Protein backbone atom coordinates (compact mmCIF):
# COMPACT_ATOMS: atom_id res chain seq x y z
CA MET A 1 30.88 1.11 26.32
CA THR A 2 27.10 1.14 26.42
CA THR A 3 24.73 4.02 25.85
CA GLU A 4 21.32 4.30 27.36
CA ALA A 5 18.42 4.36 24.92
CA ARG A 6 16.62 7.65 24.84
CA PRO A 7 13.10 7.52 26.27
CA ARG A 8 10.38 7.41 23.65
CA ILE A 9 8.66 10.76 23.13
CA LYS A 10 5.00 10.47 24.05
CA ILE A 11 2.94 11.71 21.12
CA THR A 12 -0.56 13.01 21.76
CA TYR A 13 -2.86 15.27 19.77
CA ALA A 14 -1.03 18.23 21.30
CA THR A 15 2.64 17.25 21.09
CA LEU A 16 3.36 16.79 17.38
CA ARG A 17 4.47 20.15 16.03
CA ASN A 18 5.68 21.28 12.62
CA ASP A 19 9.09 22.03 14.12
CA ASN A 20 9.60 18.58 15.65
CA GLU A 21 11.85 17.21 12.92
CA GLU A 22 12.66 13.93 14.66
CA LEU A 23 9.03 12.91 14.97
CA HIS A 24 8.24 13.91 11.40
CA ALA A 25 11.16 11.84 10.14
CA LEU A 26 9.98 8.81 12.10
CA TYR A 27 6.49 9.25 10.72
CA GLU A 28 7.80 9.41 7.16
CA GLN A 29 9.47 6.04 7.79
CA GLY A 30 6.11 4.71 8.94
CA VAL A 31 4.48 6.00 5.76
CA GLN A 32 7.03 4.16 3.63
CA GLU A 33 6.47 0.92 5.56
CA SER A 34 2.72 1.32 5.23
CA ARG A 35 2.92 2.10 1.53
CA ALA A 36 4.92 -1.08 0.97
CA GLY A 37 2.13 -3.07 2.61
CA LEU A 38 -0.72 -1.67 0.53
CA GLY A 39 -2.82 -4.22 -1.31
CA ALA A 40 -2.15 -7.15 1.02
CA HIS A 41 -4.84 -9.61 2.08
CA HIS A 42 -6.03 -9.69 5.71
CA ARG A 43 -8.13 -12.40 7.32
CA ASN A 44 -10.51 -12.66 10.24
CA TYR A 45 -9.20 -13.89 13.57
CA VAL A 46 -11.25 -16.58 15.31
CA GLY A 47 -10.22 -18.92 18.10
CA GLY A 48 -6.56 -17.92 17.84
CA ARG A 49 -6.32 -18.50 14.06
CA TRP A 50 -6.35 -16.20 11.04
CA VAL A 51 -9.20 -17.50 8.87
CA ASP A 52 -10.92 -16.65 5.61
CA GLY A 53 -14.45 -15.29 5.49
CA ALA A 54 -17.29 -17.47 4.28
CA ALA A 55 -18.66 -14.63 2.15
CA GLY A 56 -15.40 -14.06 0.28
CA VAL A 57 -13.45 -10.80 0.41
CA PHE A 58 -14.07 -7.08 0.19
CA GLU A 59 -11.79 -4.24 -0.83
CA ALA A 60 -10.92 -1.17 1.20
CA ARG A 61 -9.73 1.84 -0.79
CA SER A 62 -8.23 5.08 0.43
CA PRO A 63 -10.34 8.25 0.48
CA ILE A 64 -7.11 10.08 -0.42
CA ASP A 65 -7.11 8.42 -3.84
CA ARG A 66 -9.72 5.88 -4.92
CA ASP A 67 -7.11 4.08 -7.04
CA MET A 68 -5.14 3.28 -3.88
CA LEU A 69 -6.06 -0.19 -2.59
CA ILE A 70 -5.54 -0.48 1.17
CA GLY A 71 -6.05 -4.22 0.91
CA THR A 72 -8.51 -7.04 0.59
CA PHE A 73 -10.20 -8.26 3.74
CA ALA A 74 -12.06 -11.39 4.76
CA LYS A 75 -15.80 -10.90 4.41
CA GLY A 76 -17.59 -12.69 7.20
CA ASP A 77 -21.17 -13.91 7.31
CA PRO A 78 -23.48 -15.09 10.14
CA ASN A 79 -21.80 -18.49 10.23
CA ASP A 80 -18.42 -16.83 10.84
CA VAL A 81 -19.96 -14.88 13.70
CA GLN A 82 -21.37 -18.07 15.19
CA LEU A 83 -17.94 -19.70 15.05
CA ALA A 84 -16.43 -16.67 16.79
CA ILE A 85 -19.10 -16.75 19.48
CA ALA A 86 -18.42 -20.45 20.07
CA ALA A 87 -14.69 -19.76 20.34
CA ALA A 88 -15.29 -16.91 22.76
CA HIS A 89 -17.49 -19.10 24.96
CA ARG A 90 -14.91 -21.89 24.99
CA ALA A 91 -12.25 -19.43 26.14
CA ALA A 92 -14.47 -17.65 28.66
CA PRO A 93 -14.19 -19.93 31.75
CA GLU A 94 -10.38 -20.00 31.84
CA TRP A 95 -10.08 -16.28 31.06
CA ARG A 96 -12.66 -15.38 33.70
CA HIS A 97 -10.74 -17.33 36.32
CA THR A 98 -7.35 -15.96 35.28
CA PRO A 99 -6.20 -13.65 38.12
CA TRP A 100 -6.98 -10.08 37.21
CA GLN A 101 -3.34 -9.17 37.69
CA ASP A 102 -2.38 -11.62 34.93
CA ARG A 103 -5.07 -10.33 32.58
CA LEU A 104 -3.87 -6.81 33.24
CA ALA A 105 -0.26 -7.71 32.49
CA ILE A 106 -1.24 -8.94 29.01
CA ILE A 107 -3.25 -5.79 28.26
CA ARG A 108 -0.34 -3.61 29.41
CA ARG A 109 2.00 -5.52 27.09
CA ALA A 110 -0.43 -4.85 24.25
CA ALA A 111 -0.40 -1.14 25.10
CA GLU A 112 3.39 -1.05 24.87
CA LEU A 113 3.33 -2.82 21.50
CA ILE A 114 0.81 -0.32 20.14
CA SER A 115 3.02 2.58 21.26
CA GLU A 116 6.13 0.94 19.79
CA ARG A 117 4.32 0.54 16.46
CA GLN A 118 2.82 4.02 16.54
CA MET A 119 4.45 5.27 13.33
CA ARG A 120 3.36 2.29 11.23
CA TYR A 121 -0.11 2.08 12.76
CA GLY A 122 -0.57 5.84 12.38
CA ALA A 123 0.45 5.75 8.73
CA ASP A 124 -1.88 2.81 8.08
CA MET A 125 -4.69 4.86 9.59
CA ALA A 126 -3.84 7.90 7.48
CA PHE A 127 -4.02 5.84 4.29
CA GLU A 128 -7.18 4.11 5.49
CA VAL A 129 -9.40 7.05 6.56
CA GLY A 130 -7.50 10.18 5.51
CA LYS A 131 -6.33 11.53 8.87
CA ASN A 132 -3.46 13.98 8.98
CA ARG A 133 -0.37 12.91 10.89
CA LEU A 134 -1.28 14.71 14.10
CA GLU A 135 -4.71 13.08 14.22
CA ALA A 136 -3.44 9.62 13.25
CA LEU A 137 -0.46 9.47 15.60
CA GLY A 138 -2.50 10.98 18.41
CA GLU A 139 -5.18 8.35 18.01
CA VAL A 140 -2.74 5.45 18.10
CA GLU A 141 -1.28 6.73 21.37
CA GLU A 142 -4.78 7.34 22.70
CA ALA A 143 -5.60 3.69 21.98
CA ALA A 144 -2.53 2.60 23.94
CA ASP A 145 -3.38 4.94 26.80
CA LEU A 146 -6.94 3.62 26.91
CA LEU A 147 -5.52 0.17 27.63
CA ARG A 148 -3.22 1.63 30.28
CA TYR A 149 -5.82 3.79 31.96
CA TYR A 150 -8.56 1.19 32.07
CA GLY A 151 -6.04 -1.22 33.52
CA GLN A 152 -5.14 1.36 36.15
CA THR A 153 -8.79 1.75 37.16
CA LEU A 154 -9.03 -2.04 37.59
CA GLU A 155 -5.90 -2.02 39.73
CA ASP A 156 -7.06 0.96 41.78
CA ASN A 157 -10.22 -0.99 42.62
CA ASN A 158 -8.38 -4.20 43.50
CA GLY A 159 -10.05 -6.03 40.64
CA TYR A 160 -13.42 -4.62 41.82
CA ASP A 161 -13.40 -6.77 44.94
CA HIS A 162 -14.22 -4.70 48.04
CA PRO A 163 -15.05 -5.63 51.67
CA MET A 164 -18.37 -4.27 52.95
CA ASP A 165 -19.52 -3.20 56.41
CA ASN A 166 -20.49 -5.45 59.30
CA LEU A 167 -23.56 -5.07 61.54
CA GLY A 168 -21.64 -6.15 64.62
CA ASP A 169 -21.23 -9.92 64.32
CA PRO A 170 -17.50 -10.66 63.88
CA ALA A 171 -18.34 -14.08 62.42
CA VAL A 172 -20.05 -12.48 59.40
CA HIS A 173 -17.93 -11.29 56.48
CA THR A 174 -19.41 -9.43 53.50
CA ARG A 175 -17.93 -8.41 50.17
CA SER A 176 -19.02 -6.75 46.93
CA ILE A 177 -17.46 -8.31 43.85
CA LEU A 178 -17.97 -7.34 40.22
CA ARG A 179 -18.15 -10.32 37.87
CA PRO A 180 -17.86 -10.50 34.06
CA HIS A 181 -20.95 -11.10 31.92
CA GLY A 182 -19.42 -13.49 29.39
CA VAL A 183 -19.03 -12.58 25.70
CA PHE A 184 -19.13 -8.97 24.50
CA ALA A 185 -19.56 -7.77 20.94
CA VAL A 186 -17.86 -4.51 19.97
CA ILE A 187 -18.99 -2.71 16.81
CA SER A 188 -16.59 0.13 16.05
CA PRO A 189 -16.77 3.11 13.65
CA PHE A 190 -14.46 4.39 10.92
CA ASN A 191 -13.66 7.78 12.45
CA PHE A 192 -11.59 6.52 15.40
CA PRO A 193 -10.87 3.05 14.06
CA MET A 194 -8.24 2.11 16.63
CA ALA A 195 -9.21 4.05 19.77
CA LEU A 196 -12.88 3.09 19.59
CA SER A 197 -11.93 -0.54 19.04
CA ALA A 198 -9.20 -0.61 21.67
CA GLY A 199 -11.19 1.12 24.42
CA PRO A 200 -14.23 -1.18 24.55
CA THR A 201 -12.34 -4.40 23.81
CA SER A 202 -9.70 -3.74 26.46
CA ALA A 203 -12.33 -2.84 29.05
CA ALA A 204 -14.23 -6.04 28.27
CA LEU A 205 -11.07 -8.16 28.42
CA ILE A 206 -9.54 -6.85 31.63
CA ALA A 207 -12.95 -7.27 33.27
CA GLY A 208 -12.76 -10.98 32.47
CA ASN A 209 -15.06 -11.11 29.46
CA THR A 210 -14.13 -12.46 26.05
CA ALA A 211 -14.92 -10.37 22.97
CA ILE A 212 -15.70 -10.24 19.26
CA LEU A 213 -14.75 -7.11 17.32
CA LYS A 214 -16.57 -6.05 14.16
CA PRO A 215 -14.95 -2.93 12.68
CA SER A 216 -16.35 -0.56 10.10
CA SER A 217 -15.76 -1.88 6.60
CA ALA A 218 -14.34 1.55 5.77
CA ALA A 219 -11.56 1.06 8.34
CA PRO A 220 -10.67 -2.62 8.81
CA MET A 221 -6.87 -2.21 8.75
CA SER A 222 -6.66 -0.52 12.15
CA ALA A 223 -8.70 -3.36 13.65
CA VAL A 224 -6.32 -5.94 12.17
CA ASN A 225 -3.41 -4.02 13.72
CA LEU A 226 -5.11 -3.97 17.11
CA ILE A 227 -5.76 -7.70 17.02
CA GLN A 228 -2.12 -8.31 16.06
CA ALA A 229 -0.98 -6.31 19.09
CA TYR A 230 -3.26 -8.31 21.38
CA ARG A 231 -2.02 -11.56 19.88
CA ASP A 232 1.64 -10.60 20.17
CA ALA A 233 1.05 -9.60 23.80
CA GLY A 234 -0.01 -13.17 24.58
CA ILE A 235 -3.79 -13.03 24.70
CA PRO A 236 -5.07 -16.64 24.86
CA ASP A 237 -6.84 -18.18 21.88
CA GLY A 238 -10.51 -17.29 21.64
CA VAL A 239 -10.38 -14.43 24.13
CA ILE A 240 -10.42 -11.79 21.38
CA ASN A 241 -11.87 -12.46 17.93
CA LEU A 242 -12.22 -10.40 14.77
CA VAL A 243 -15.01 -10.80 12.22
CA MET A 244 -15.05 -8.25 9.42
CA GLY A 245 -17.94 -7.74 7.05
CA PRO A 246 -21.21 -5.86 6.47
CA GLY A 247 -23.39 -4.53 9.23
CA ASP A 248 -26.52 -6.13 7.81
CA THR A 249 -25.02 -9.62 8.14
CA VAL A 250 -22.14 -9.66 10.62
CA GLY A 251 -23.54 -6.83 12.73
CA ALA A 252 -27.05 -8.26 12.62
CA GLU A 253 -25.87 -11.67 13.84
CA LEU A 254 -24.02 -10.07 16.74
CA ARG A 255 -27.20 -8.25 17.70
CA GLU A 256 -29.54 -11.22 17.37
CA ASN A 257 -27.45 -14.15 18.57
CA PRO A 258 -28.33 -15.13 22.17
CA GLY A 259 -24.69 -16.10 22.74
CA ILE A 260 -23.74 -12.42 22.97
CA ASP A 261 -24.02 -11.30 26.60
CA GLY A 262 -23.32 -7.59 26.10
CA ILE A 263 -22.74 -5.20 23.22
CA VAL A 264 -20.93 -1.93 22.56
CA PHE A 265 -21.81 0.17 19.52
CA THR A 266 -20.36 3.49 18.42
CA GLY A 267 -22.12 5.15 15.53
CA SER A 268 -25.26 6.94 14.44
CA TYR A 269 -28.24 7.86 16.60
CA ALA A 270 -30.68 5.90 14.42
CA VAL A 271 -28.71 2.64 14.50
CA GLY A 272 -27.76 3.04 18.15
CA MET A 273 -31.32 3.63 19.30
CA ASP A 274 -32.58 0.66 17.30
CA LEU A 275 -29.93 -1.53 18.92
CA TYR A 276 -30.79 -0.17 22.37
CA ARG A 277 -34.46 -1.06 21.87
CA THR A 278 -33.94 -4.53 20.40
CA PHE A 279 -30.77 -6.15 21.77
CA SER A 280 -32.19 -7.50 25.03
CA LYS A 281 -34.78 -10.24 24.69
CA ASP A 282 -35.47 -12.45 27.74
CA PHE A 283 -33.75 -10.17 30.27
CA PRO A 284 -31.79 -6.91 30.18
CA LYS A 285 -28.25 -7.15 28.85
CA PRO A 286 -25.53 -4.49 28.89
CA THR A 287 -26.13 -2.27 25.87
CA ILE A 288 -23.53 0.48 25.67
CA VAL A 289 -24.40 2.67 22.71
CA GLU A 290 -22.27 5.73 22.08
CA MET A 291 -24.01 7.84 19.49
CA GLY A 292 -23.54 11.15 17.76
CA GLY A 293 -23.68 14.80 18.61
CA LYS A 294 -24.80 18.16 17.28
CA ASN A 295 -22.36 20.03 19.41
CA PRO A 296 -22.81 23.76 20.11
CA ALA A 297 -20.43 26.56 20.97
CA VAL A 298 -21.99 29.57 22.70
CA VAL A 299 -20.09 32.84 22.24
CA SER A 300 -20.77 35.78 24.52
CA ARG A 301 -20.17 39.43 23.75
CA GLN A 302 -17.68 39.15 26.62
CA ALA A 303 -15.59 36.58 24.73
CA ASP A 304 -12.11 36.80 23.31
CA LEU A 305 -13.33 36.46 19.71
CA GLU A 306 -9.98 35.46 18.23
CA GLU A 307 -9.71 32.64 20.76
CA ALA A 308 -13.30 31.62 20.07
CA ALA A 309 -12.80 31.59 16.30
CA GLU A 310 -9.68 29.47 16.58
CA GLY A 311 -11.40 26.96 18.88
CA ILE A 312 -14.46 26.75 16.63
CA ILE A 313 -12.43 26.17 13.46
CA ARG A 314 -10.34 23.45 15.09
CA SER A 315 -13.40 21.59 16.36
CA ALA A 316 -15.61 22.16 13.33
CA PHE A 317 -13.08 21.10 10.70
CA GLY A 318 -10.56 18.79 12.42
CA PHE A 319 -10.63 15.46 10.51
CA GLY A 320 -13.23 16.99 8.23
CA GLY A 321 -15.85 17.33 10.96
CA GLN A 322 -16.07 13.53 11.11
CA LYS A 323 -16.13 13.39 14.89
CA CYS A 324 -19.13 12.86 17.12
CA SER A 325 -17.82 15.86 19.07
CA ALA A 326 -17.42 18.20 16.06
CA ASN A 327 -18.56 21.79 16.60
CA SER A 328 -21.36 21.91 14.03
CA ARG A 329 -23.39 24.87 15.36
CA VAL A 330 -22.48 28.21 16.91
CA TYR A 331 -24.69 30.63 18.85
CA VAL A 332 -23.17 34.10 19.17
CA GLU A 333 -24.53 37.29 20.67
CA LYS A 334 -25.63 39.72 17.96
CA GLN A 335 -23.29 42.48 19.05
CA VAL A 336 -20.24 40.41 18.04
CA HIS A 337 -21.75 38.20 15.33
CA ASP A 338 -20.23 39.97 12.34
CA GLU A 339 -16.75 40.13 13.82
CA LEU A 340 -16.81 36.46 14.77
CA VAL A 341 -17.94 35.50 11.26
CA ARG A 342 -15.14 37.64 9.78
CA LEU A 343 -12.59 35.80 11.88
CA LEU A 344 -14.09 32.40 11.01
CA VAL A 345 -13.90 33.21 7.31
CA GLU A 346 -10.32 34.42 7.64
CA LYS A 347 -9.18 31.30 9.49
CA THR A 348 -11.10 28.92 7.21
CA GLU A 349 -9.51 30.42 4.12
CA ALA A 350 -6.07 29.80 5.63
CA ILE A 351 -6.61 26.04 6.04
CA THR A 352 -4.33 23.92 3.86
CA ILE A 353 -6.27 21.12 2.14
CA GLY A 354 -4.92 18.11 0.28
CA ASP A 355 -3.22 14.75 0.68
CA PRO A 356 -3.00 14.33 4.49
CA LEU A 357 0.14 12.24 4.18
CA LEU A 358 1.96 15.45 3.28
CA ARG A 359 3.25 17.45 6.20
CA GLU A 360 1.89 20.78 4.95
CA ASN A 361 -1.76 19.72 4.73
CA TRP A 362 -3.98 20.08 7.79
CA LEU A 363 -7.26 18.88 6.23
CA GLY A 364 -7.62 15.76 4.13
CA PRO A 365 -10.61 14.09 2.49
CA VAL A 366 -13.92 12.96 3.93
CA VAL A 367 -14.33 9.22 4.08
CA ASP A 368 -16.43 8.44 0.99
CA GLU A 369 -18.78 9.69 -1.73
CA LYS A 370 -21.76 9.57 0.63
CA ALA A 371 -20.00 12.06 2.92
CA VAL A 372 -19.36 14.34 -0.07
CA ASP A 373 -23.03 14.12 -0.98
CA ARG A 374 -24.13 15.03 2.57
CA HIS A 375 -21.83 18.03 2.53
CA GLN A 376 -22.98 19.21 -0.88
CA ALA A 377 -26.67 18.78 0.02
CA ALA A 378 -26.16 20.84 3.19
CA VAL A 379 -24.38 23.57 1.22
CA ALA A 380 -27.24 23.70 -1.28
CA GLU A 381 -29.77 24.09 1.54
CA ALA A 382 -27.71 26.84 3.16
CA ARG A 383 -27.52 28.74 -0.13
CA ARG A 384 -31.27 28.37 -0.61
CA ASP A 385 -32.37 29.28 2.91
CA GLY A 386 -29.53 31.43 4.22
CA ARG A 387 -25.97 32.31 3.28
CA VAL A 388 -22.67 30.52 2.76
CA PHE A 389 -20.01 32.70 4.37
CA VAL A 390 -17.05 30.66 3.15
CA GLY A 391 -16.32 27.34 1.43
CA GLY A 392 -18.90 24.96 0.10
CA GLU A 393 -17.26 23.51 -3.00
CA ARG A 394 -16.04 20.05 -3.92
CA LEU A 395 -12.33 20.20 -4.71
CA THR A 396 -10.91 18.59 -7.84
CA ASP A 397 -7.59 20.37 -8.47
CA ARG A 398 -4.08 19.08 -7.66
CA GLY A 399 -5.17 15.45 -7.91
CA MET A 400 -8.02 15.83 -5.44
CA ASP A 401 -10.48 14.66 -8.10
CA ARG A 402 -9.30 11.12 -7.32
CA GLY A 403 -10.42 11.41 -3.70
CA PHE A 404 -13.22 12.85 -1.60
CA TYR A 405 -12.23 16.43 -0.88
CA VAL A 406 -14.57 19.31 0.01
CA GLU A 407 -14.03 22.83 1.28
CA PRO A 408 -14.61 23.50 4.98
CA THR A 409 -17.80 25.53 5.16
CA VAL A 410 -19.31 28.17 7.45
CA VAL A 411 -22.96 29.16 6.88
CA GLY A 412 -25.51 31.39 8.58
CA GLN A 413 -28.61 33.60 8.32
CA LEU A 414 -30.77 30.48 8.72
CA PRO A 415 -33.86 30.06 10.92
CA ALA A 416 -32.97 28.71 14.36
CA ASP A 417 -35.09 25.61 13.75
CA HIS A 418 -33.47 24.79 10.40
CA ARG A 419 -32.37 21.16 10.02
CA LEU A 420 -28.75 22.28 9.62
CA PHE A 421 -28.87 23.16 13.32
CA ARG A 422 -30.47 19.79 14.11
CA ASP A 423 -29.05 16.97 11.99
CA GLU A 424 -25.58 15.51 12.40
CA LEU A 425 -23.71 15.81 9.09
CA PHE A 426 -20.26 14.31 9.76
CA ALA A 427 -18.67 16.78 7.35
CA PRO A 428 -16.58 19.98 7.59
CA PHE A 429 -19.59 22.23 8.03
CA THR A 430 -20.74 24.56 10.81
CA ALA A 431 -23.73 26.89 11.05
CA VAL A 432 -23.72 30.22 12.93
CA HIS A 433 -26.81 31.85 14.47
CA ALA A 434 -27.07 35.28 16.11
CA VAL A 435 -28.85 35.43 19.49
CA ASP A 436 -30.02 38.23 21.76
CA SER A 437 -28.37 36.87 24.89
CA LEU A 438 -26.20 34.12 26.31
CA ASP A 439 -29.31 32.58 27.87
CA GLU A 440 -30.98 32.35 24.46
CA GLY A 441 -27.86 30.67 23.11
CA ILE A 442 -27.90 28.10 25.91
CA ARG A 443 -31.62 27.47 25.39
CA LEU A 444 -31.15 26.84 21.66
CA ALA A 445 -28.10 24.69 22.39
CA ASN A 446 -30.24 22.49 24.63
CA GLU A 447 -33.02 22.10 22.05
CA SER A 448 -31.48 18.95 20.61
CA VAL A 449 -31.92 15.22 20.98
CA TYR A 450 -28.14 15.07 21.40
CA GLY A 451 -26.05 16.00 24.41
CA LEU A 452 -22.45 15.02 23.84
CA THR A 453 -20.14 18.06 23.99
CA ALA A 454 -20.54 21.83 24.26
CA GLY A 455 -18.30 24.85 24.62
CA VAL A 456 -18.60 28.43 25.82
CA TYR A 457 -16.51 31.54 25.28
CA SER A 458 -16.86 34.33 27.82
CA GLU A 459 -14.54 36.31 30.09
CA ASP A 460 -17.40 36.78 32.57
CA PRO A 461 -17.19 34.15 35.39
CA GLY A 462 -20.91 34.48 36.06
CA GLU A 463 -21.77 33.67 32.45
CA VAL A 464 -19.40 30.71 32.46
CA GLN A 465 -20.99 29.32 35.62
CA ARG A 466 -24.48 29.77 34.17
CA PHE A 467 -23.41 27.77 31.13
CA LEU A 468 -21.90 25.01 33.28
CA ASP A 469 -25.04 24.83 35.43
CA THR A 470 -27.61 24.73 32.62
CA ILE A 471 -26.12 23.18 29.48
CA GLU A 472 -27.31 19.62 28.74
CA ALA A 473 -24.20 17.78 27.61
CA GLY A 474 -21.72 15.34 29.08
CA VAL A 475 -18.44 17.00 28.04
CA LEU A 476 -17.95 20.74 28.54
CA TYR A 477 -15.18 23.12 27.49
CA VAL A 478 -14.62 26.74 28.57
CA ASN A 479 -12.55 29.25 26.59
CA ARG A 480 -10.61 26.46 24.92
CA ARG A 481 -8.44 27.63 22.05
CA ALA A 482 -7.38 24.07 21.19
CA GLY A 483 -10.98 23.15 20.36
CA ALA A 484 -14.41 24.48 21.25
CA THR A 485 -16.04 21.05 21.60
CA THR A 486 -13.37 18.43 20.80
CA GLY A 487 -10.37 16.91 22.49
CA ALA A 488 -10.27 14.35 25.29
CA TRP A 489 -7.63 12.00 26.68
CA PRO A 490 -7.88 8.88 28.87
CA GLY A 491 -7.81 9.82 32.53
CA VAL A 492 -7.81 13.54 31.70
CA GLN A 493 -11.30 14.22 30.32
CA ALA A 494 -14.17 11.78 30.69
CA PHE A 495 -15.97 11.50 27.34
CA GLY A 496 -19.61 10.46 27.28
CA GLY A 497 -22.95 11.86 26.19
CA TRP A 498 -26.27 12.73 27.72
CA LYS A 499 -29.69 12.27 26.11
CA GLY A 500 -29.44 10.76 22.62
CA SER A 501 -25.65 10.72 22.64
CA GLY A 502 -25.19 7.82 25.08
CA SER A 503 -27.07 5.11 26.92
CA THR A 504 -25.46 4.57 30.31
CA GLY A 505 -24.60 7.92 31.87
CA LYS A 506 -21.04 6.65 32.29
CA ALA A 507 -18.31 8.05 30.09
CA GLY A 508 -15.46 6.53 28.18
CA LEU A 509 -11.90 7.58 29.10
CA SER A 510 -13.07 7.70 32.73
CA ARG A 511 -12.75 5.81 35.99
CA TYR A 512 -16.27 4.39 35.72
CA TYR A 513 -16.04 2.84 32.25
CA VAL A 514 -14.73 -0.65 33.02
CA ALA A 515 -17.43 -1.29 35.63
CA GLN A 516 -20.03 -1.24 32.84
CA PHE A 517 -18.61 -4.56 31.62
CA LEU A 518 -19.24 -6.21 34.99
CA ARG A 519 -22.18 -7.10 37.24
CA GLU A 520 -22.23 -6.90 41.00
CA GLN A 521 -22.42 -9.91 43.30
CA SER A 522 -22.74 -9.72 47.08
CA HIS A 523 -21.05 -12.35 49.24
CA THR A 524 -22.05 -12.98 52.87
CA LEU A 525 -19.94 -15.62 54.60
CA VAL A 526 -20.42 -16.85 58.16
CA ASP A 527 -17.58 -18.51 60.08
């Protein structure tokens, strides 16, 4: 007698609940597996082989507890990058000419492997960067769904090969075909170490490019896991390569080497803009830079304030505010300012903080001592120039002195042009400013070099439409309890910034993303 296997429960940022005992038990198994693997050595991956780094090794330690060694990792140098570029170029012709259906089949196998390994990969990520279980498991599944969705967009467009019109001569046949560029470099950040590695690399690969991944040195383990999934799915040697190491050596070589035909960077505005200005030399090359945000929520007197407060807290403090979409500034009409602040304080005080591996803790550490310093400097400025409504301290009790823990913080009574309304902090910190009208709130929201996400709370349809028509950001949310400015899923919400938050006007997680890794070629054939 045979029994059918139960279908795997799809876990997203919204599906893991405290009452889902089966999923929590599976995650605890993943934590035990991950803990057993702590301290191992991990090498670069070049030309289909795991190889040591010419510059030696570096350590990655957990922000949960600095005594916890995630592992040692191969430390690459420019020569390692050059070897990876050579391997990628050797693999490029065969991969480019592989039928797109066959490339897609490999990427879809990799997606299934990532989903099957979700518990282990999620636990690895939690140890590595301090995400709670909801954030970590959700990101692993997002990475898998990025592979699936980008593959679906390729399939929907028939491999980006489309017949064109005819001017009347039946002997003339015209087509538009998108062709790969060659070798792409992908430089990924620590805050979404798997999704923001998987998305760009998979888009490059299914488009027929080869790729070299350089992850953040704060989060190399998730990149190793991604490469393992690609390898186990059957990706040919040299098509995907991994070179870990510092940005000023490995990253610099990827930027300067003429063998790189396109580059994707996710990170800070300063680094992204410098890359955008300098990457192309003899002719323009694809430069996809996805930068930060200083994301506003605008709260009308017509808002449901409890809903607004919940959405603001979730977006301001989820993963310690270490998201480019974090809600770091709030503009609220004066008539409801005090009540909104009261609710924000109440909800912030209820947040459970501590080791994110434990089920009961919603907020874990920030990534490193520099993040603590940024938070503490911002708190000091708020105390000097305005008021700290709640939070602000570094936490050292219950073992948190061994990690990088700070209190989520809400501040206010600052001038509208204060730097805390301007500079991205990447910390659990949001600033509130009272305005005379919704229009003033929108105007102040738009006075930023950034334009990634924005949210509005109002029960007035006219106010909502005015916000949608005039706000300068690429990702908008209306009356969203689950998050004022955060939360996107492949094929559900496109995610890309305007102004200083992005370079192409095309968003990730969307139907237009893969085309950025291709260039158009017109074919006119006469019988």
